[in-house]
């Protein structure tokens, strides 16, 4: 099982000379193979917004825009302090009500999309301060008032022991990879211990569906 330490003081010092890229600082969190693997996910700061409904709908798109607007507002604030960083990959937690009543991932995927719940996330550096974020978001909104911006907030997510796998292809074919995760969990005697987590390594606006790369993660116990 992998274990990741917080960003070191030495790394923080280097940030004064270059941008901090969290996908490189936490390589194990943003790299996966097509075979399920165990890892330990340490607590981290995430800018977040929650919603419900079809991910292809207008509400989802508006919430995504609000989240990115907040992320870039925070980035620009810290850049002025010579603590610049790369805005990280979009991530998402997904769930449906009464999930324990479904037998497998394929059944869950058949739930109408308007009933899907989601929490979109963008990881932030550890040095980000919650009190600062509230002030920064208020100033950012005054400059760029986008819908749902008042729902954006900073949270700490601690998933701990997890399993993950790399899925290549359209989002609709994820159940194939999810089944591999499920089989791996059964083999290891593991059970769910949190919400389904996805990390979008590819930009769907620029990548063909068959080439999309998504990390699928499940906290376990």
Protein backbone atom coordinates (compact mmCIF):
# COMPACT_ATOMS: atom_id res chain seq x y z
CA UNK A 1 0.00 0.00 0.00
CA UNK A 2 1.30 3.44 -0.89
CA UNK A 3 1.60 6.28 1.61
CA UNK A 4 2.05 9.93 0.71
CA UNK A 5 3.60 12.62 2.91
CA UNK A 6 2.40 16.24 2.85
CA UNK A 7 4.18 18.67 0.55
CA UNK A 8 7.57 19.26 2.20
CA UNK A 9 9.05 22.57 3.27
CA UNK A 10 11.74 22.13 0.61
CA UNK A 11 9.08 21.74 -2.05
CA UNK A 12 7.25 24.78 -0.73
CA UNK A 13 10.50 26.75 -1.03
CA UNK A 14 10.92 25.67 -4.65
CA UNK A 15 7.49 27.07 -5.42
CA UNK A 16 8.93 30.56 -5.18
CA UNK A 17 10.92 29.71 -8.32
CA UNK A 18 8.32 27.71 -10.26
CA UNK A 19 4.69 26.67 -10.25
CA UNK A 20 3.62 23.87 -7.93
CA UNK A 21 2.03 21.07 -9.95
CA UNK A 22 0.09 18.81 -7.61
CA UNK A 23 -0.18 16.06 -10.23
CA UNK A 24 3.62 15.79 -10.02
CA UNK A 25 3.90 16.37 -6.27
CA UNK A 26 1.37 13.55 -5.71
CA UNK A 27 2.16 11.28 -8.64
CA UNK A 28 0.54 8.24 -7.04
CA UNK A 29 -2.82 10.04 -6.86
CA UNK A 30 -2.86 11.02 -10.53
CA UNK A 31 -1.42 7.89 -12.10
CA UNK A 32 -3.12 4.52 -12.41
CA UNK A 33 -2.99 1.40 -14.57
CA UNK A 34 -5.68 -0.73 -16.13
CA UNK A 35 -5.29 -3.16 -13.24
CA UNK A 36 -6.85 -2.36 -9.85
CA UNK A 37 -4.40 -1.30 -7.15
CA UNK A 38 -4.45 -0.31 -3.49
CA UNK A 39 -3.20 3.07 -2.32
CA UNK A 40 -3.52 5.39 0.66
CA UNK A 41 -5.02 8.80 -0.10
CA UNK A 42 -3.98 11.42 2.48
CA UNK A 43 -6.22 14.34 3.49
CA UNK A 44 -6.21 17.21 1.02
CA UNK A 45 -7.82 20.59 0.40
CA UNK A 46 -10.38 20.67 -2.40
CA UNK A 47 -12.40 23.50 -3.85
CA UNK A 48 -15.88 22.04 -4.14
CA UNK A 49 -19.40 22.48 -5.43
CA UNK A 50 -22.34 20.07 -5.15
CA UNK A 51 -25.33 19.40 -7.34
CA UNK A 52 -27.73 16.89 -8.83
CA UNK A 53 -28.71 15.97 -12.35
CA UNK A 54 -27.46 14.98 -15.79
CA UNK A 55 -23.72 15.70 -16.21
CA UNK A 56 -24.51 16.73 -19.79
CA UNK A 57 -27.01 19.32 -18.56
CA UNK A 58 -26.77 23.10 -18.17
CA UNK A 59 -26.69 22.97 -14.36
CA UNK A 60 -23.61 20.74 -14.33
CA UNK A 61 -21.86 22.99 -16.86
CA UNK A 62 -22.67 26.12 -14.86
CA UNK A 63 -21.39 24.56 -11.63
CA UNK A 64 -18.18 23.50 -13.40
CA UNK A 65 -17.67 27.07 -14.60
CA UNK A 66 -18.26 28.42 -11.08
CA UNK A 67 -15.72 25.97 -9.66
CA UNK A 68 -13.03 26.88 -12.18
CA UNK A 69 -13.70 30.60 -11.71
CA UNK A 70 -13.05 30.14 -8.00
CA UNK A 71 -9.94 28.03 -8.59
CA UNK A 72 -8.35 30.61 -10.89
CA UNK A 73 -9.28 33.43 -8.50
CA UNK A 74 -7.40 31.63 -5.72
CA UNK A 75 -4.47 30.89 -8.03
CA UNK A 76 -4.09 34.56 -9.01
CA UNK A 77 -4.22 35.66 -5.37
CA UNK A 78 -1.39 33.34 -4.34
CA UNK A 79 0.59 34.03 -7.50
CA UNK A 80 0.93 37.63 -6.32
CA UNK A 81 2.45 36.20 -3.14
CA UNK A 82 4.95 34.21 -5.25
CA UNK A 83 3.15 30.97 -4.42
CA UNK A 84 1.95 30.09 -7.91
CA UNK A 85 0.45 26.70 -8.73
CA UNK A 86 -1.09 24.85 -11.65
CA UNK A 87 -4.86 24.50 -11.41
CA UNK A 88 -5.35 20.78 -10.92
CA UNK A 89 -7.50 18.22 -12.76
CA UNK A 90 -11.27 18.24 -12.38
CA UNK A 91 -12.48 15.48 -10.08
CA UNK A 92 -15.90 14.31 -8.98
CA UNK A 93 -17.65 12.27 -6.32
CA UNK A 94 -20.79 10.48 -7.53
CA UNK A 95 -23.62 8.75 -5.71
CA UNK A 96 -27.32 7.88 -5.82
CA UNK A 97 -29.74 7.54 -2.94
CA UNK A 98 -30.21 4.06 -1.45
CA UNK A 99 -27.13 2.77 -3.29
CA UNK A 100 -27.05 -0.26 -0.98
CA UNK A 101 -30.21 -1.54 -2.70
CA UNK A 102 -28.40 -2.02 -6.02
CA UNK A 103 -26.64 -5.29 -6.79
CA UNK A 104 -23.80 -3.99 -8.94
CA UNK A 105 -22.34 -1.00 -10.78
CA UNK A 106 -24.34 -1.73 -13.92
CA UNK A 107 -27.61 -1.32 -12.01
CA UNK A 108 -26.42 1.96 -10.53
CA UNK A 109 -25.59 3.25 -14.03
CA UNK A 110 -29.20 2.57 -15.04
CA UNK A 111 -30.51 5.07 -12.49
CA UNK A 112 -31.95 8.06 -14.41
CA UNK A 113 -29.35 10.78 -14.70
CA UNK A 114 -31.57 13.42 -13.18
CA UNK A 115 -31.29 11.44 -9.91
CA UNK A 116 -27.48 11.37 -9.89
CA UNK A 117 -25.80 13.39 -7.13
CA UNK A 118 -22.32 14.81 -7.67
CA UNK A 119 -19.67 16.87 -5.95
CA UNK A 120 -17.14 18.45 -8.27
CA UNK A 121 -13.65 19.00 -6.90
CA UNK A 122 -10.37 20.72 -7.76
CA UNK A 123 -7.48 19.94 -5.46
CA UNK A 124 -5.76 22.92 -3.86
CA UNK A 125 -2.25 23.18 -2.35
CA UNK A 126 -1.90 22.45 1.37
CA UNK A 127 -0.88 26.03 2.11
CA UNK A 128 -4.31 27.38 1.09
CA UNK A 129 -6.04 28.96 4.09
CA UNK A 130 -9.82 28.55 4.56
CA UNK A 131 -10.27 32.07 5.90
CA UNK A 132 -8.31 33.49 2.96
CA UNK A 133 -10.41 31.50 0.51
CA UNK A 134 -13.67 33.04 1.73
CA UNK A 135 -12.29 36.53 1.16
CA UNK A 136 -10.74 35.62 -2.19
CA UNK A 137 -13.98 34.09 -3.46
CA UNK A 138 -15.95 37.21 -2.51
CA UNK A 139 -13.52 39.40 -4.43
CA UNK A 140 -13.52 37.02 -7.39
CA UNK A 141 -17.32 37.07 -7.57
CA UNK A 142 -17.37 40.87 -7.65
CA UNK A 143 -15.06 40.75 -10.67
CA UNK A 144 -16.82 37.85 -12.40
CA UNK A 145 -20.33 37.11 -11.06
CA UNK A 146 -21.17 33.66 -12.47
CA UNK A 147 -24.19 31.51 -11.52
CA UNK A 148 -23.90 29.21 -8.47
CA UNK A 149 -20.66 30.84 -7.34
CA UNK A 150 -22.03 31.22 -3.81
CA UNK A 151 -22.07 27.41 -3.57
CA UNK A 152 -18.31 27.06 -4.03
CA UNK A 153 -16.36 26.28 -0.85
CA UNK A 154 -13.11 24.76 0.38
CA UNK A 155 -13.20 21.42 2.16
CA UNK A 156 -10.80 18.77 3.44
CA UNK A 157 -11.34 15.31 1.98
CA UNK A 158 -9.72 12.31 3.67
CA UNK A 159 -10.36 9.04 1.81
CA UNK A 160 -7.61 6.90 3.33
CA UNK A 161 -7.28 3.35 2.02
CA UNK A 162 -8.67 3.16 -1.51
CA UNK A 163 -8.57 1.12 -4.68
CA UNK A 164 -8.30 2.67 -8.12
CA UNK A 165 -8.03 1.81 -11.78
CA UNK A 166 -7.45 3.67 -15.04
CA UNK A 167 -10.39 3.63 -17.43
CA UNK A 168 -9.74 4.41 -21.09
CA UNK A 169 -12.75 5.14 -23.26
CA UNK A 170 -16.17 6.82 -23.08
CA UNK A 171 -17.70 7.49 -19.68
CA UNK A 172 -20.59 5.20 -20.63
CA UNK A 173 -18.26 2.17 -20.64
CA UNK A 174 -16.97 2.78 -17.10
CA UNK A 175 -18.99 -0.18 -15.67
CA UNK A 176 -16.47 -2.53 -17.32
CA UNK A 177 -13.61 -1.04 -15.28
CA UNK A 178 -15.80 -0.65 -12.20
CA UNK A 179 -16.55 -4.36 -12.31
CA UNK A 180 -12.81 -5.05 -12.21
CA UNK A 181 -12.59 -2.86 -9.11
CA UNK A 182 -15.53 -4.70 -7.55
CA UNK A 183 -13.96 -8.10 -8.24
CA UNK A 184 -10.63 -6.91 -6.80
CA UNK A 185 -12.37 -5.67 -3.65
CA UNK A 186 -14.11 -9.02 -3.18
CA UNK A 187 -10.83 -10.87 -3.68
CA UNK A 188 -9.15 -8.73 -1.00
CA UNK A 189 -12.11 -8.82 1.39
CA UNK A 190 -12.72 -5.07 1.09
CA UNK A 191 -15.99 -3.12 1.24
CA UNK A 192 -17.06 0.40 0.24
CA UNK A 193 -16.08 3.17 2.63
CA UNK A 194 -17.06 6.35 0.82
CA UNK A 195 -18.37 7.75 -2.43
CA UNK A 196 -17.27 6.78 -5.92
CA UNK A 197 -14.47 9.13 -7.02
CA UNK A 198 -13.45 10.02 -10.58
CA UNK A 199 -10.43 12.02 -11.76
CA UNK A 200 -10.65 13.36 -15.30
CA UNK A 201 -7.18 13.22 -16.83
CA UNK A 202 -8.47 14.17 -20.30
CA UNK A 203 -10.41 17.19 -21.52
CA UNK A 204 -13.57 15.82 -23.22
CA UNK A 205 -13.74 18.96 -25.37
CA UNK A 206 -10.40 18.12 -26.97
CA UNK A 207 -10.20 14.32 -26.71
CA UNK A 208 -11.99 11.64 -28.73
CA UNK A 209 -14.32 9.55 -26.53
CA UNK A 210 -12.34 6.34 -27.13
CA UNK A 211 -9.16 8.05 -25.87
CA UNK A 212 -10.54 9.62 -22.70
CA UNK A 213 -8.57 8.65 -19.58
CA UNK A 214 -10.30 8.63 -16.21
CA UNK A 215 -9.08 7.35 -12.86
CA UNK A 216 -11.84 5.51 -11.01
CA UNK A 217 -11.32 5.36 -7.24
CA UNK A 218 -13.21 3.79 -4.37
CA UNK A 219 -12.40 4.31 -0.68
CA UNK A 220 -12.50 0.95 1.10
CA UNK A 221 -12.18 -0.70 4.49
